[in-house]
C-alpha atoms as a PDB file:
ATOM      1  CA  MET A   1      25.602 273.485 136.135  1.00  0.00           C
ATOM      2  CA  GLN A   2      29.222 271.313 135.826  1.00  0.00           C
ATOM      3  CA  ASN A   3      29.040 271.130 139.292  1.00  0.00           C
ATOM      4  CA  HIS A   4      25.654 270.212 139.803  1.00  0.00           C
ATOM      5  CA  PHE A   5      26.400 267.801 137.380  1.00  0.00           C
ATOM      6  CA  LYS A   6      29.662 266.840 139.380  1.00  0.00           C
ATOM      7  CA  TRP A   7      27.627 266.035 142.661  1.00  0.00           C
ATOM      8  CA  THR A   8      24.940 264.225 140.663  1.00  0.00           C
ATOM      9  CA  LEU A   9      27.262 261.732 139.267  1.00  0.00           C
ATOM     10  CA  VAL A  10      29.096 261.386 142.387  1.00  0.00           C
ATOM     11  CA  PHE A  11      25.956 260.470 144.360  1.00  0.00           C
ATOM     12  CA  VAL A  12      24.826 257.930 141.855  1.00  0.00           C
ATOM     13  CA  ILE A  13      28.025 256.011 141.739  1.00  0.00           C
ATOM     14  CA  GLY A  14      27.948 256.303 145.648  1.00  0.00           C
ATOM     15  CA  THR A  15      24.655 255.012 145.343  1.00  0.00           C
ATOM     16  CA  ILE A  16      25.301 252.098 143.386  1.00  0.00           C
ATOM     17  CA  LEU A  17      28.735 251.074 145.313  1.00  0.00           C
ATOM     18  CA  GLY A  18      26.498 251.083 148.476  1.00  0.00           C
ATOM     19  CA  THR A  19      24.128 248.375 146.795  1.00  0.00           C
ATOM     20  CA  LEU A  20      26.661 246.240 146.129  1.00  0.00           C
ATOM     21  CA  ARG A  21      26.994 243.209 148.233  1.00  0.00           C
ATOM     22  CA  VAL A  22      30.382 241.356 149.454  1.00  0.00           C
ATOM     23  CA  PRO A  23      30.393 237.676 147.493  1.00  0.00           C
ATOM     24  CA  ALA A  24      29.459 235.084 149.481  1.00  0.00           C
ATOM     25  CA  PHE A  25      32.195 233.230 150.743  1.00  0.00           C
ATOM     26  CA  GLU A  26      33.031 229.879 148.862  1.00  0.00           C
ATOM     27  CA  GLY A  27      35.816 227.578 149.692  1.00  0.00           C
ATOM     28  CA  HIS A  28      37.126 225.246 152.278  1.00  0.00           C
ATOM     29  CA  ILE A  29      37.428 225.370 155.982  1.00  0.00           C
ATOM     30  CA  ASN A  30      39.248 222.688 158.025  1.00  0.00           C
ATOM     31  CA  ALA A  31      38.758 222.749 161.612  1.00  0.00           C
ATOM     32  CA  THR A  32      38.945 220.331 165.027  1.00  0.00           C
ATOM     33  CA  LEU A  33      36.333 219.938 167.048  1.00  0.00           C
ATOM     34  CA  THR A  34      37.104 218.138 170.659  1.00  0.00           C
ATOM     35  CA  ARG A  35      34.616 216.903 172.981  1.00  0.00           C
ATOM     36  CA  SER A  36      35.553 214.322 175.317  1.00  0.00           C
ATOM     37  CA  GLY A  37      38.120 212.364 173.606  1.00  0.00           C
ATOM     38  CA  PRO A  38      40.920 213.435 171.121  1.00  0.00           C
ATOM     39  CA  PRO A  39      40.115 216.100 168.560  1.00  0.00           C
ATOM     40  CA  THR A  40      37.968 215.067 165.614  1.00  0.00           C
ATOM     41  CA  ALA A  41      38.750 216.737 162.222  1.00  0.00           C
ATOM     42  CA  VAL A  42      36.126 218.510 160.781  1.00  0.00           C
ATOM     43  CA  LEU A  43      35.884 219.917 156.911  1.00  0.00           C
ATOM     44  CA  TYR A  44      33.364 222.265 155.443  1.00  0.00           C
ATOM     45  CA  THR A  45      33.106 222.387 151.709  1.00  0.00           C
ATOM     46  CA  VAL A  46      31.093 225.688 151.132  1.00  0.00           C
ATOM     47  CA  GLY A  47      29.220 226.431 147.756  1.00  0.00           C
ATOM     48  CA  THR A  48      26.578 229.364 146.762  1.00  0.00           C
ATOM     49  CA  ASN A  49      23.650 227.502 147.958  1.00  0.00           C
ATOM     50  CA  TRP A  50      24.833 224.904 149.807  1.00  0.00           C
ATOM     51  CA  MET A  51      27.025 223.601 152.444  1.00  0.00           C
ATOM     52  CA  ARG A  52      29.096 219.868 153.514  1.00  0.00           C
ATOM     53  CA  VAL A  53      30.227 219.353 157.050  1.00  0.00           C
ATOM     54  CA  GLU A  54      31.929 216.231 157.532  1.00  0.00           C
ATOM     55  CA  VAL A  55      34.537 214.524 159.073  1.00  0.00           C
ATOM     56  CA  ALA A  56      37.524 214.535 157.407  1.00  0.00           C
ATOM     57  CA  GLU A  57      38.988 211.447 156.566  1.00  0.00           C
ATOM     58  CA  THR A  58      39.256 209.521 153.365  1.00  0.00           C
ATOM     59  CA  ASN A  59      36.722 207.111 152.932  1.00  0.00           C
ATOM     60  CA  SER A  60      34.870 207.634 156.057  1.00  0.00           C
ATOM     61  CA  LEU A  61      31.714 206.029 156.517  1.00  0.00           C
ATOM     62  CA  GLU A  62      30.635 209.012 159.354  1.00  0.00           C
ATOM     63  CA  PRO A  63      27.260 211.079 159.179  1.00  0.00           C
ATOM     64  CA  VAL A  64      27.826 214.062 156.518  1.00  0.00           C
ATOM     65  CA  ASP A  65      25.895 217.145 156.898  1.00  0.00           C
ATOM     66  CA  LEU A  66      23.883 218.855 154.363  1.00  0.00           C
ATOM     67  CA  VAL A  67      23.049 222.606 154.685  1.00  0.00           C
ATOM     68  CA  ASP A  68      21.032 224.750 152.553  1.00  0.00           C
ATOM     69  CA  ARG A  69      22.497 228.054 153.416  1.00  0.00           C
ATOM     70  CA  GLN A  70      19.660 230.323 152.751  1.00  0.00           C
ATOM     71  CA  SER A  71      17.260 228.171 154.977  1.00  0.00           C
ATOM     72  CA  GLY A  72      18.684 226.453 157.524  1.00  0.00           C
ATOM     73  CA  ASP A  73      17.321 223.049 156.548  1.00  0.00           C
ATOM     74  CA  LEU A  74      19.549 220.225 157.794  1.00  0.00           C
ATOM     75  CA  ILE A  75      20.142 216.804 155.325  1.00  0.00           C
ATOM     76  CA  LEU A  76      21.797 214.468 157.692  1.00  0.00           C
ATOM     77  CA  ILE A  77      23.174 211.440 155.717  1.00  0.00           C
ATOM     78  CA  THR A  78      24.164 208.246 157.248  1.00  0.00           C
ATOM     79  CA  PRO A  79      26.431 206.387 154.921  1.00  0.00           C
ATOM     80  CA  ARG A  80      26.915 203.187 156.977  1.00  0.00           C
ATOM     81  CA  THR A  81      22.870 202.571 156.770  1.00  0.00           C
ATOM     82  CA  ARG A  82      22.330 204.483 153.443  1.00  0.00           C
ATOM     83  CA  CYS A  83      19.406 206.599 154.593  1.00  0.00           C
ATOM     84  CA  PHE A  84      18.890 210.176 155.206  1.00  0.00           C
ATOM     85  CA  MET A  85      16.698 212.799 157.061  1.00  0.00           C
ATOM     86  CA  ARG A  86      15.379 215.961 156.467  1.00  0.00           C
ATOM     87  CA  ILE A  87      15.636 218.316 159.291  1.00  0.00           C
ATOM     88  CA  LYS A  88      14.219 221.838 160.080  1.00  0.00           C
ATOM     89  CA  PRO A  89      16.622 223.956 162.448  1.00  0.00           C
ATOM     90  CA  ARG A  90      15.357 224.827 165.629  1.00  0.00           C
ATOM     91  CA  SER A  91      14.040 228.096 167.134  1.00  0.00           C
ATOM     92  CA  GLU A  92      16.407 230.804 169.030  1.00  0.00           C
ATOM     93  CA  ASN A  93      12.633 230.931 171.406  1.00  0.00           C
ATOM     94  CA  PHE A  94      13.710 227.379 172.163  1.00  0.00           C
ATOM     95  CA  ILE A  95      16.657 228.257 173.608  1.00  0.00           C
ATOM     96  CA  ASN A  96      15.336 231.517 175.363  1.00  0.00           C
ATOM     97  CA  ALA A  97      11.584 231.417 176.444  1.00  0.00           C
ATOM     98  CA  PRO A  98      10.276 229.470 178.974  1.00  0.00           C
ATOM     99  CA  PRO A  99       7.824 227.152 178.960  1.00  0.00           C
ATOM    100  CA  THR A 100       4.488 227.990 180.496  1.00  0.00           C
ATOM    101  CA  LEU A 101       1.378 226.002 181.578  1.00  0.00           C
ATOM    102  CA  PRO A 102      -1.907 226.496 180.585  1.00  0.00           C
ATOM    103  CA  GLY A 103      -4.418 229.310 182.263  1.00  0.00           C
ATOM    104  CA  MET A 104      -6.723 228.131 185.127  1.00  0.00           C
ATOM    105  CA  PRO A 105     -10.139 228.778 185.336  1.00  0.00           C
ATOM    106  CA  THR A 106     -11.337 231.442 188.078  1.00  0.00           C
ATOM    107  CA  GLY A 107     -14.351 232.224 190.016  1.00  0.00           C
ATOM    108  CA  THR A 108     -16.945 230.438 192.062  1.00  0.00           C
ATOM    109  CA  ALA A 109     -18.026 227.040 190.880  1.00  0.00           C
ATOM    110  CA  PRO A 110     -21.318 226.718 188.963  1.00  0.00           C
ATOM    111  CA  SER A 111     -24.492 225.896 191.159  1.00  0.00           C
ATOM    112  CA  MET A 112     -26.384 223.063 189.881  1.00  0.00           C
ATOM    113  CA  PRO A 113     -29.611 223.333 188.561  1.00  0.00           C
ATOM    114  CA  ALA A 114     -32.677 222.646 190.369  1.00  0.00           C
ATOM    115  CA  MET A 115     -34.209 219.434 190.188  1.00  0.00           C
ATOM    116  CA  SER A 116     -38.130 220.140 188.498  1.00  0.00           C
ATOM    117  CA  GLY A 117     -40.863 217.389 188.505  1.00  0.00           C
ATOM    118  CA  LEU A 118     -39.735 214.975 191.690  1.00  0.00           C
ATOM    119  CA  PRO A 119     -41.806 214.600 194.773  1.00  0.00           C
ATOM    120  CA  GLU A 120     -40.793 216.397 197.508  1.00  0.00           C
ATOM    121  CA  MET A 121     -38.988 214.948 200.450  1.00  0.00           C
ATOM    122  CA  ALA A 122     -40.909 214.134 203.801  1.00  0.00           C
ATOM    123  CA  VAL A 123     -38.694 216.086 206.332  1.00  0.00           C
ATOM    124  CA  ALA A 124     -38.676 214.071 209.679  1.00  0.00           C
ATOM    125  CA  PRO A 125     -39.446 216.000 213.023  1.00  0.00           C
ATOM    126  CA  PRO A 126     -36.994 217.334 215.158  1.00  0.00           C
ATOM    127  CA  PRO A 127     -35.961 214.672 218.311  1.00  0.00           C
ATOM    128  CA  PRO A 128     -37.567 215.842 221.733  1.00  0.00           C
ATOM    129  CA  SER A 129     -35.531 217.968 223.984  1.00  0.00           C
ATOM    130  CA  SER A 130     -35.611 215.302 226.388  1.00  0.00           C
ATOM    131  CA  ILE A 131     -35.422 210.929 226.623  1.00  0.00           C
ATOM    132  CA  GLY A 132     -37.361 208.792 229.430  1.00  0.00           C
ATOM    133  CA  PRO A 133     -40.338 209.867 231.335  1.00  0.00           C
ATOM    134  CA  THR A 134     -41.036 212.805 232.133  1.00  0.00           C
ATOM    135  CA  GLY A 135     -41.441 214.561 235.946  1.00  0.00           C
ATOM    136  CA  LEU A 136     -38.642 212.983 237.295  1.00  0.00           C
ATOM    137  CA  PRO A 137     -36.379 215.947 238.957  1.00  0.00           C
ATOM    138  CA  THR A 138     -33.145 216.131 237.738  1.00  0.00           C
ATOM    139  CA  PRO A 139     -30.472 216.352 240.651  1.00  0.00           C
ATOM    140  CA  LEU A 140     -28.608 219.188 239.253  1.00  0.00           C
ATOM    141  CA  GLY A 141     -30.826 220.151 236.682  1.00  0.00           C
ATOM    142  CA  SER A 142     -30.671 219.905 232.501  1.00  0.00           C
ATOM    143  CA  THR A 143     -28.337 222.683 232.437  1.00  0.00           C
ATOM    144  CA  GLN A 144     -26.021 221.319 234.788  1.00  0.00           C
ATOM    145  CA  LEU A 145     -25.000 218.087 233.628  1.00  0.00           C
ATOM    146  CA  MET A 146     -21.818 218.721 232.139  1.00  0.00           C
ATOM    147  CA  PRO A 147     -19.042 221.820 232.698  1.00  0.00           C
ATOM    148  CA  ALA A 148     -19.594 224.076 229.654  1.00  0.00           C
ATOM    149  CA  LEU A 149     -16.446 223.994 227.998  1.00  0.00           C
ATOM    150  CA  PRO A 150     -13.965 226.583 227.680  1.00  0.00           C
ATOM    151  CA  THR A 151     -14.244 229.376 224.276  1.00  0.00           C
ATOM    152  CA  MET A 152     -12.053 228.198 221.385  1.00  0.00           C
ATOM    153  CA  PRO A 153      -9.898 231.274 220.997  1.00  0.00           C
ATOM    154  CA  THR A 154     -10.356 233.710 217.368  1.00  0.00           C
ATOM    155  CA  MET A 155      -7.506 232.646 214.431  1.00  0.00           C
ATOM    156  CA  PRO A 156      -6.089 235.327 213.102  1.00  0.00           C
ATOM    157  CA  ALA A 157      -7.621 236.077 209.579  1.00  0.00           C
ATOM    158  CA  MET A 158      -5.407 235.474 206.701  1.00  0.00           C
ATOM    159  CA  PRO A 159      -3.801 238.077 204.409  1.00  0.00           C
ATOM    160  CA  ALA A 160      -5.656 237.924 200.983  1.00  0.00           C
ATOM    161  CA  MET A 161      -3.636 236.262 197.911  1.00  0.00           C
ATOM    162  CA  PRO A 162      -3.063 238.668 195.146  1.00  0.00           C
ATOM    163  CA  ALA A 163      -5.061 238.498 191.997  1.00  0.00           C
ATOM    164  CA  MET A 164      -3.612 236.015 189.625  1.00  0.00           C
ATOM    165  CA  PRO A 165      -3.353 237.878 186.228  1.00  0.00           C
ATOM    166  CA  SER A 166      -6.157 237.326 183.564  1.00  0.00           C
ATOM    167  CA  VAL A 167      -4.684 235.445 180.037  1.00  0.00           C
ATOM    168  CA  PRO A 168      -5.479 238.211 177.643  1.00  0.00           C
ATOM    169  CA  GLY A 169      -8.244 237.586 175.181  1.00  0.00           C
ATOM    170  CA  ASN A 170      -9.383 234.647 177.485  1.00  0.00           C
ATOM    171  CA  ALA A 171     -12.107 236.558 179.792  1.00  0.00           C
ATOM    172  CA  GLY A 172     -12.496 234.567 183.035  1.00  0.00           C
ATOM    173  CA  MET A 173      -8.579 232.841 182.214  1.00  0.00           C
ATOM    174  CA  THR A 174      -5.690 233.303 184.740  1.00  0.00           C
ATOM    175  CA  ALA A 175      -2.109 232.900 184.106  1.00  0.00           C
ATOM    176  CA  MET A 176      -0.172 230.758 186.041  1.00  0.00           C
ATOM    177  CA  PRO A 177       3.239 231.564 186.831  1.00  0.00           C
ATOM    178  CA  MET A 178       5.947 230.265 184.323  1.00  0.00           C
ATOM    179  CA  MET A 179       8.148 227.330 185.628  1.00  0.00           C
ATOM    180  CA  PRO A 180      11.999 227.565 186.170  1.00  0.00           C
ATOM    181  CA  ARG A 181      13.734 225.387 183.780  1.00  0.00           C
ATOM    182  CA  GLY A 182      17.508 227.123 184.438  1.00  0.00           C
ATOM    183  CA  SER A 183      19.435 229.838 182.767  1.00  0.00           C
ATOM    184  CA  SER A 184      18.242 230.920 179.378  1.00  0.00           C
ATOM    185  CA  LEU A 185      21.508 231.238 176.833  1.00  0.00           C
ATOM    186  CA  GLN A 186      22.636 234.216 175.538  1.00  0.00           C
ATOM    187  CA  LEU A 187      25.490 235.459 173.958  1.00  0.00           C
ATOM    188  CA  GLN A 188      26.927 238.043 175.037  1.00  0.00           C
ATOM    189  CA  ALA A 189      29.655 240.498 173.506  1.00  0.00           C
ATOM    190  CA  THR A 190      32.893 241.704 175.561  1.00  0.00           C
ATOM    191  CA  GLY A 191      33.789 244.382 173.109  1.00  0.00           C
ATOM    192  CA  GLU A 192      36.901 242.836 173.049  1.00  0.00           C
ATOM    193  CA  GLN A 193      38.993 242.593 169.025  1.00  0.00           C
ATOM    194  CA  THR A 194      41.636 240.605 167.584  1.00  0.00           C
ATOM    195  CA  ASN A 195      42.723 239.056 164.059  1.00  0.00           C
ATOM    196  CA  LEU A 196      42.820 234.814 163.326  1.00  0.00           C
ATOM    197  CA  LEU A 197      43.779 233.718 160.326  1.00  0.00           C
ATOM    198  CA  GLY A 198      43.444 237.182 158.879  1.00  0.00           C
ATOM    199  CA  TYR A 199      39.886 238.481 160.098  1.00  0.00           C
ATOM    200  CA  ALA A 200      38.785 240.415 162.311  1.00  0.00           C
ATOM    201  CA  CYS A 201      36.896 238.360 165.500  1.00  0.00           C
ATOM    202  CA  ALA A 202      35.518 239.463 168.412  1.00  0.00           C
ATOM    203  CA  ARG A 203      34.606 237.928 172.278  1.00  0.00           C
ATOM    204  CA  TYR A 204      31.490 236.613 173.201  1.00  0.00           C
ATOM    205  CA  GLU A 205      30.689 234.831 175.848  1.00  0.00           C
ATOM    206  CA  ILE A 206      28.100 232.241 177.120  1.00  0.00           C
ATOM    207  CA  ARG A 207      27.726 231.366 180.776  1.00  0.00           C
ATOM    208  CA  GLN A 208      25.618 229.123 182.588  1.00  0.00           C
ATOM    209  CA  TRP A 209      26.341 226.663 184.892  1.00  0.00           C
ATOM    210  CA  GLY A 210      29.473 227.255 186.383  1.00  0.00           C
ATOM    211  CA  GLN A 211      30.709 227.069 182.717  1.00  0.00           C
ATOM    212  CA  THR A 212      31.621 229.502 180.424  1.00  0.00           C
ATOM    213  CA  MET A 213      32.288 229.336 176.423  1.00  0.00           C
ATOM    214  CA  GLU A 214      34.662 232.285 175.257  1.00  0.00           C
ATOM    215  CA  ILE A 215      33.990 232.848 171.980  1.00  0.00           C
ATOM    216  CA  TRP A 216      36.332 234.165 168.603  1.00  0.00           C
ATOM    217  CA  ALA A 217      33.924 235.033 165.908  1.00  0.00           C
ATOM    218  CA  THR A 218      33.534 236.912 162.946  1.00  0.00           C
ATOM    219  CA  ASP A 219      30.752 238.369 160.739  1.00  0.00           C
ATOM    220  CA  GLN A 220      33.120 238.144 157.309  1.00  0.00           C
ATOM    221  CA  LEU A 221      32.389 234.133 156.432  1.00  0.00           C
ATOM    222  CA  PHE A 222      28.599 232.879 157.139  1.00  0.00           C
ATOM    223  CA  PRO A 223      26.508 231.861 159.599  1.00  0.00           C
ATOM    224  CA  PHE A 224      28.131 229.149 161.689  1.00  0.00           C
ATOM    225  CA  GLN A 225      26.642 225.693 161.171  1.00  0.00           C
ATOM    226  CA  VAL A 226      28.322 222.729 164.058  1.00  0.00           C
ATOM    227  CA  TYR A 227      28.877 219.158 162.864  1.00  0.00           C
ATOM    228  CA  GLN A 228      25.831 217.505 163.743  1.00  0.00           C
ATOM    229  CA  PRO A 229      26.338 213.714 163.308  1.00  0.00           C
ATOM    230  CA  HIS A 230      23.405 212.917 164.851  1.00  0.00           C
ATOM    231  CA  GLN A 231      19.741 214.720 164.710  1.00  0.00           C
ATOM    232  CA  PRO A 232      19.822 217.343 167.166  1.00  0.00           C
ATOM    233  CA  LEU A 233      17.414 217.069 170.418  1.00  0.00           C
ATOM    234  CA  ARG A 234      14.171 219.262 170.959  1.00  0.00           C
ATOM    235  CA  GLY A 235      13.351 218.586 174.662  1.00  0.00           C
ATOM    236  CA  GLY A 236      15.006 219.157 177.940  1.00  0.00           C
ATOM    237  CA  PRO A 237      17.069 222.342 179.586  1.00  0.00           C
ATOM    238  CA  PRO A 238      19.247 224.024 177.081  1.00  0.00           C
ATOM    239  CA  VAL A 239      22.958 223.184 177.025  1.00  0.00           C
ATOM    240  CA  ILE A 240      25.860 225.121 175.514  1.00  0.00           C
ATOM    241  CA  GLU A 241      27.368 222.581 173.742  1.00  0.00           C
ATOM    242  CA  GLU A 242      23.905 221.471 171.879  1.00  0.00           C
ATOM    243  CA  HIS A 243      22.640 225.278 171.378  1.00  0.00           C
ATOM    244  CA  TRP A 244      25.882 228.266 170.985  1.00  0.00           C
ATOM    245  CA  SER A 245      25.882 226.839 167.345  1.00  0.00           C
ATOM    246  CA  GLU A 246      22.315 228.454 166.964  1.00  0.00           C
ATOM    247  CA  LEU A 247      23.139 231.620 168.900  1.00  0.00           C
ATOM    248  CA  LEU A 248      26.032 232.439 166.595  1.00  0.00           C
ATOM    249  CA  ALA A 249      23.853 231.614 163.720  1.00  0.00           C
ATOM    250  CA  ALA A 250      21.070 233.437 164.586  1.00  0.00           C
ATOM    251  CA  LYS A 251      23.787 236.704 164.204  1.00  0.00           C
ATOM    252  CA  ARG A 252      25.347 235.679 161.243  1.00  0.00           C
ATOM    253  CA  LEU A 253      28.628 235.100 162.957  1.00  0.00           C
ATOM    254  CA  PHE A 254      31.360 231.650 162.438  1.00  0.00           C
ATOM    255  CA  PRO A 255      33.527 230.807 165.425  1.00  0.00           C
ATOM    256  CA  LEU A 256      37.489 231.030 165.071  1.00  0.00           C
ATOM    257  CA  LEU A 257      37.946 229.885 168.172  1.00  0.00           C
ATOM    258  CA  ALA A 258      35.398 228.426 170.991  1.00  0.00           C
ATOM    259  CA  SER A 259      36.363 227.051 174.126  1.00  0.00           C
ATOM    260  CA  LEU A 260      33.923 225.416 176.923  1.00  0.00           C
ATOM    261  CA  ARG A 261      35.577 225.770 180.755  1.00  0.00           C
ATOM    262  CA  PHE A 262      34.427 225.391 184.193  1.00  0.00           C
ATOM    263  CA  HIS A 263      35.112 227.888 186.427  1.00  0.00           C
ATOM    264  CA  ASN A 264      38.492 225.814 187.437  1.00  0.00           C
ATOM    265  CA  GLY A 265      39.814 226.146 184.087  1.00  0.00           C
ATOM    266  CA  VAL A 266      38.934 222.625 183.070  1.00  0.00           C
ATOM    267  CA  GLU A 267      38.553 222.769 179.520  1.00  0.00           C
ATOM    268  CA  ARG A 268      35.799 220.057 178.159  1.00  0.00           C
ATOM    269  CA  TYR A 269      34.526 221.277 174.755  1.00  0.00           C
ATOM    270  CA  ARG A 270      36.573 222.902 171.679  1.00  0.00           C
ATOM    271  CA  PHE A 271      36.200 224.219 168.399  1.00  0.00           C
ATOM    272  CA  GLU A 272      39.034 225.728 166.562  1.00  0.00           C
ATOM    273  CA  VAL A 273      39.953 226.419 162.964  1.00  0.00           C
ATOM    274  CA  GLN A 274      43.072 225.750 161.763  1.00  0.00           C
ATOM    275  CA  SER A 275      42.728 226.790 157.863  1.00  0.00           C
ATOM    276  CA  ILE A 276      40.358 228.713 155.178  1.00  0.00           C
ATOM    277  CA  THR A 277      40.752 228.822 151.675  1.00  0.00           C
ATOM    278  CA  PRO A 278      38.286 230.490 149.338  1.00  0.00           C
ATOM    279  CA  THR A 279      37.775 228.924 146.180  1.00  0.00           C
ATOM    280  CA  THR A 280      35.879 228.563 143.352  1.00  0.00           C
ATOM    281  CA  LEU A 281      34.429 225.167 143.538  1.00  0.00           C
ATOM    282  CA  THR A 282      34.600 222.689 140.893  1.00  0.00           C
ATOM    283  CA  ASP A 283      31.761 220.734 139.026  1.00  0.00           C
ATOM    284  CA  ARG A 284      33.583 218.051 141.241  1.00  0.00           C
ATOM    285  CA  GLU A 285      33.226 219.388 144.013  1.00  0.00           C
ATOM    286  CA  ASP A 286      29.729 220.250 143.399  1.00  0.00           C
ATOM    287  CA  GLY A 287      28.140 216.560 143.448  1.00  0.00           C
ATOM    288  CA  LEU A 288      29.182 216.476 146.981  1.00  0.00           C
ATOM    289  CA  PHE A 289      26.073 218.511 147.762  1.00  0.00           C
ATOM    290  CA  GLN A 290      23.530 216.564 146.309  1.00  0.00           C
ATOM    291  CA  VAL A 291      22.599 212.544 148.462  1.00  0.00           C
ATOM    292  CA  PRO A 292      23.580 209.822 147.073  1.00  0.00           C
ATOM    293  CA  ALA A 293      21.083 208.172 144.516  1.00  0.00           C
ATOM    294  CA  ASP A 294      21.030 204.936 146.791  1.00  0.00           C
ATOM    295  CA  CYS A 295      19.977 206.254 150.232  1.00  0.00           C
ATOM    296  CA  ILE A 296      16.321 205.815 151.489  1.00  0.00           C
ATOM    297  CA  GLU A 297      14.954 209.055 153.180  1.00  0.00           C
ATOM    298  CA  ILE A 298      13.173 208.435 156.733  1.00  0.00           C
ATOM    299  CA  GLN A 299      11.451 210.289 158.652  1.00  0.00           C
ATOM    300  CA  PRO A 300      12.979 212.304 161.762  1.00  0.00           C
ATOM    301  CA  HIS A 301      12.564 211.568 164.808  1.00  0.00           C
ATOM    302  CA  GLU A 302       9.778 213.395 167.346  1.00  0.00           C
ATOM    303  CA  PHE A 303      11.205 214.505 170.367  1.00  0.00           C
END
């Protein structure tokens, strides 16, 4: 009985410990973002439910991002114009799913209905087989006036076209072939491991159009949100620097180092974390997760 009670107690304690979750990260992360110019210092202020991403400059008037950590919704605040907009996160399907054209109907064209109630049209008699006075002799005979034309060669039959696949749930409709949209973006794990700033990181790659982004990311922080100084574009072909954040967030990863280079080694985009400071936010810092009272809400552009 004692052994049974002991193993039962061990099982209950193990179950309780297994259900406990690691506390969500709170604190500050300082990073630099380099893109077509000098590095920009970016500050992440991470609370329990909200995250603030901004340019780390005193009295900066650059746009500020407020991110809902649960839904991923973004509030983009523009201090210069004292306005803000609410933006829903883009779906990952936008990155990988190529568009398709609507199906076209197949089959023969419907015949025209018969017209009823209209008088029949008189049919003209056929023209006479010969013109001119009858009884006159023809020197070469009526069938020898022109030499016979040579017979045209028969063209070979064209091979039959394969049948178009039908659209599920739409009888009589066929799916059109998908239009190419360039290469889709995929986050590929390389299997390499390292430690950066005390966090275990794995190496990932994104390849597209002669470019490779090397990413060292950890799953010990929170889903990544890159600094957005403007409303994200929703059209056009996907490019790495515009969508790599979403690929990492889908896998709940945060990068500590990312470098986008051409195959000749030239770097054109870089994100690097300088310091990570876990801390409990004060009441003064909690006010950073609110839209200023003097800002006016505007609607995002539809593009």
